[in-house]
Amino acid sequence: MRVILAMAAAMTLLAACAEKPVVPETSVSTVPIYCYRTLAVVDCHPEPLGAKESSRLVNHYGPAPVTIPR
């Protein structure tokens, strides 16, 4: 019985010394990005374009841009 308790204590102590897994930090951009459709490619800007350009909006990351009523 002492052997089992000694092994359990040793396993507990060794488990406490184990290295914790390294979790990579994710980088999240806090800069808003607004992407609009053009003739050739999608063009992205740090600020939303005017309300008249809202129909060309493809995607955005950040506060919602102003849209015009239809």
N, C-alpha and C. Protein backbone atom coordinates (compact mmCIF):
# COMPACT_ATOMS: atom_id res chain seq x y z
N MET A 1 0.82 -1.19 0.00
CA MET A 1 0.00 0.00 0.00
C MET A 1 0.86 1.25 0.00
N ARG A 2 1.99 1.21 0.74
CA ARG A 2 2.89 2.36 0.79
C ARG A 2 3.51 2.64 -0.57
N VAL A 3 3.76 1.59 -1.32
CA VAL A 3 4.36 1.74 -2.64
C VAL A 3 3.39 2.47 -3.57
N ILE A 4 2.14 2.11 -3.49
CA ILE A 4 1.13 2.75 -4.34
C ILE A 4 0.98 4.21 -3.98
N LEU A 5 0.94 4.52 -2.68
CA LEU A 5 0.85 5.92 -2.25
C LEU A 5 2.08 6.72 -2.65
N ALA A 6 3.25 6.09 -2.54
CA ALA A 6 4.48 6.77 -2.93
C ALA A 6 4.50 7.04 -4.43
N MET A 7 4.02 6.10 -5.22
CA MET A 7 3.98 6.30 -6.67
C MET A 7 2.97 7.38 -7.04
N ALA A 8 1.82 7.40 -6.36
CA ALA A 8 0.82 8.43 -6.63
C ALA A 8 1.35 9.81 -6.26
N ALA A 9 2.07 9.91 -5.15
CA ALA A 9 2.65 11.18 -4.75
C ALA A 9 3.72 11.62 -5.74
N ALA A 10 4.54 10.70 -6.21
CA ALA A 10 5.59 11.03 -7.17
C ALA A 10 4.97 11.48 -8.50
N MET A 11 3.92 10.83 -8.92
CA MET A 11 3.27 11.21 -10.18
C MET A 11 2.65 12.60 -10.06
N THR A 12 2.06 12.90 -8.92
CA THR A 12 1.47 14.22 -8.71
C THR A 12 2.53 15.30 -8.74
N LEU A 13 3.64 15.06 -8.05
CA LEU A 13 4.72 16.05 -8.03
C LEU A 13 5.34 16.24 -9.41
N LEU A 14 5.52 15.16 -10.15
CA LEU A 14 6.09 15.27 -11.49
C LEU A 14 5.13 15.96 -12.46
N ALA A 15 3.85 15.73 -12.30
CA ALA A 15 2.87 16.38 -13.16
C ALA A 15 2.84 17.88 -12.93
N ALA A 16 3.10 18.30 -11.70
CA ALA A 16 3.13 19.74 -11.39
C ALA A 16 4.32 20.42 -12.03
N CYS A 17 5.38 19.68 -12.30
CA CYS A 17 6.59 20.24 -12.90
C CYS A 17 6.54 20.28 -14.43
N ALA A 18 5.55 19.67 -15.01
CA ALA A 18 5.45 19.60 -16.47
C ALA A 18 5.26 21.00 -17.05
N GLU A 19 5.83 21.20 -18.21
CA GLU A 19 5.68 22.49 -18.88
C GLU A 19 4.26 22.63 -19.41
N LYS A 20 3.76 23.83 -19.31
CA LYS A 20 2.42 24.09 -19.84
C LYS A 20 2.54 24.30 -21.35
N PRO A 21 1.55 23.87 -22.11
CA PRO A 21 1.63 24.04 -23.57
C PRO A 21 1.64 25.52 -23.94
N VAL A 22 2.45 25.84 -24.92
CA VAL A 22 2.56 27.21 -25.38
C VAL A 22 1.42 27.48 -26.36
N VAL A 23 0.62 28.47 -26.04
CA VAL A 23 -0.50 28.85 -26.89
C VAL A 23 -0.10 30.11 -27.65
N PRO A 24 -0.07 30.06 -28.98
CA PRO A 24 0.33 31.25 -29.73
C PRO A 24 -0.69 32.37 -29.55
N GLU A 25 -0.17 33.58 -29.42
CA GLU A 25 -1.05 34.72 -29.30
C GLU A 25 -1.58 35.11 -30.67
N THR A 26 -2.84 35.39 -30.73
CA THR A 26 -3.43 35.82 -31.99
C THR A 26 -3.42 37.34 -32.03
N SER A 27 -3.06 37.86 -33.16
CA SER A 27 -3.05 39.31 -33.29
C SER A 27 -4.35 39.74 -33.96
N VAL A 28 -5.04 40.63 -33.30
CA VAL A 28 -6.30 41.13 -33.82
C VAL A 28 -6.11 42.61 -34.13
N SER A 29 -6.40 42.95 -35.36
CA SER A 29 -6.25 44.34 -35.78
C SER A 29 -7.41 45.16 -35.25
N THR A 30 -7.09 46.29 -34.63
CA THR A 30 -8.14 47.18 -34.15
C THR A 30 -8.40 48.30 -35.14
N VAL A 31 -7.67 48.30 -36.25
CA VAL A 31 -7.87 49.32 -37.27
C VAL A 31 -9.04 48.90 -38.15
N PRO A 32 -10.06 49.74 -38.27
CA PRO A 32 -11.19 49.36 -39.13
C PRO A 32 -10.78 49.31 -40.60
N ILE A 33 -11.38 48.40 -41.34
CA ILE A 33 -11.09 48.25 -42.77
C ILE A 33 -12.42 48.17 -43.51
N TYR A 34 -12.54 48.94 -44.58
CA TYR A 34 -13.75 48.96 -45.40
C TYR A 34 -13.34 48.65 -46.84
N CYS A 35 -13.88 47.58 -47.41
CA CYS A 35 -13.50 47.13 -48.75
C CYS A 35 -14.66 47.36 -49.72
N TYR A 36 -14.32 47.97 -50.86
CA TYR A 36 -15.31 48.32 -51.88
C TYR A 36 -14.96 47.68 -53.21
N ARG A 37 -15.95 47.32 -53.99
CA ARG A 37 -15.78 46.74 -55.32
C ARG A 37 -15.42 47.86 -56.29
N THR A 38 -14.41 47.61 -57.12
CA THR A 38 -14.05 48.54 -58.20
C THR A 38 -14.16 47.79 -59.52
N LEU A 39 -13.73 48.41 -60.61
CA LEU A 39 -13.81 47.75 -61.91
C LEU A 39 -12.93 46.50 -61.99
N ALA A 40 -11.76 46.56 -61.37
CA ALA A 40 -10.82 45.45 -61.51
C ALA A 40 -10.76 44.56 -60.26
N VAL A 41 -10.54 45.15 -59.11
CA VAL A 41 -10.33 44.39 -57.87
C VAL A 41 -11.09 45.05 -56.73
N VAL A 42 -11.02 44.44 -55.58
CA VAL A 42 -11.58 45.03 -54.37
C VAL A 42 -10.53 45.95 -53.77
N ASP A 43 -10.95 47.15 -53.40
CA ASP A 43 -10.05 48.17 -52.86
C ASP A 43 -10.45 48.45 -51.42
N CYS A 44 -9.49 48.40 -50.49
CA CYS A 44 -9.79 48.57 -49.07
C CYS A 44 -9.24 49.90 -48.55
N HIS A 45 -9.96 50.49 -47.60
CA HIS A 45 -9.61 51.79 -47.03
C HIS A 45 -9.73 51.74 -45.51
N PRO A 46 -8.97 52.58 -44.80
CA PRO A 46 -9.08 52.60 -43.33
C PRO A 46 -10.32 53.34 -42.84
N GLU A 47 -10.95 54.12 -43.70
CA GLU A 47 -12.17 54.85 -43.34
C GLU A 47 -13.23 54.58 -44.40
N PRO A 48 -14.49 54.59 -44.02
CA PRO A 48 -15.53 54.34 -45.02
C PRO A 48 -15.62 55.47 -46.03
N LEU A 49 -15.97 55.14 -47.26
CA LEU A 49 -16.18 56.15 -48.27
C LEU A 49 -17.54 56.81 -48.02
N GLY A 50 -17.89 57.76 -48.83
CA GLY A 50 -19.16 58.46 -48.65
C GLY A 50 -20.36 57.53 -48.75
N ALA A 51 -21.51 58.05 -48.33
CA ALA A 51 -22.74 57.25 -48.32
C ALA A 51 -23.14 56.81 -49.72
N LYS A 52 -22.77 57.58 -50.75
CA LYS A 52 -23.11 57.20 -52.12
C LYS A 52 -22.37 55.95 -52.58
N GLU A 53 -21.26 55.64 -51.95
CA GLU A 53 -20.46 54.47 -52.33
C GLU A 53 -20.87 53.22 -51.55
N SER A 54 -21.88 53.31 -50.70
CA SER A 54 -22.24 52.18 -49.84
C SER A 54 -22.73 50.97 -50.64
N SER A 55 -23.24 51.17 -51.84
CA SER A 55 -23.70 50.03 -52.64
C SER A 55 -22.53 49.19 -53.15
N ARG A 56 -21.32 49.74 -53.15
CA ARG A 56 -20.14 49.00 -53.61
C ARG A 56 -19.42 48.29 -52.46
N LEU A 57 -19.91 48.45 -51.23
CA LEU A 57 -19.26 47.85 -50.06
C LEU A 57 -19.31 46.33 -50.15
N VAL A 58 -18.15 45.70 -50.04
CA VAL A 58 -18.05 44.25 -50.10
C VAL A 58 -18.02 43.67 -48.68
N ASN A 59 -17.18 44.25 -47.81
CA ASN A 59 -17.05 43.76 -46.45
C ASN A 59 -16.41 44.85 -45.61
N HIS A 60 -16.60 44.75 -44.29
CA HIS A 60 -15.94 45.70 -43.40
C HIS A 60 -15.62 45.03 -42.08
N TYR A 61 -14.57 45.51 -41.42
CA TYR A 61 -14.16 45.09 -40.09
C TYR A 61 -14.07 46.35 -39.26
N GLY A 62 -14.98 46.52 -38.33
CA GLY A 62 -15.02 47.73 -37.52
C GLY A 62 -16.44 48.25 -37.48
N PRO A 63 -16.61 49.50 -37.07
CA PRO A 63 -17.96 50.06 -37.00
C PRO A 63 -18.63 50.06 -38.37
N ALA A 64 -19.92 49.88 -38.35
CA ALA A 64 -20.68 49.85 -39.61
C ALA A 64 -20.63 51.21 -40.27
N PRO A 65 -20.41 51.28 -41.59
CA PRO A 65 -20.38 52.55 -42.29
C PRO A 65 -21.80 53.11 -42.46
N VAL A 66 -21.88 54.36 -42.79
CA VAL A 66 -23.17 55.00 -43.03
C VAL A 66 -23.72 54.51 -44.36
N THR A 67 -24.99 54.17 -44.39
CA THR A 67 -25.62 53.72 -45.63
C THR A 67 -26.74 54.67 -45.99
N ILE A 68 -27.02 54.76 -47.28
CA ILE A 68 -28.09 55.63 -47.72
C ILE A 68 -29.37 54.82 -47.84
N PRO A 69 -30.52 55.39 -47.52
CA PRO A 69 -31.77 54.65 -47.66
C PRO A 69 -32.08 54.40 -49.13
N ARG A 70 -32.69 53.26 -49.43
CA ARG A 70 -33.02 52.93 -50.82
C ARG A 70 -34.48 53.12 -51.08
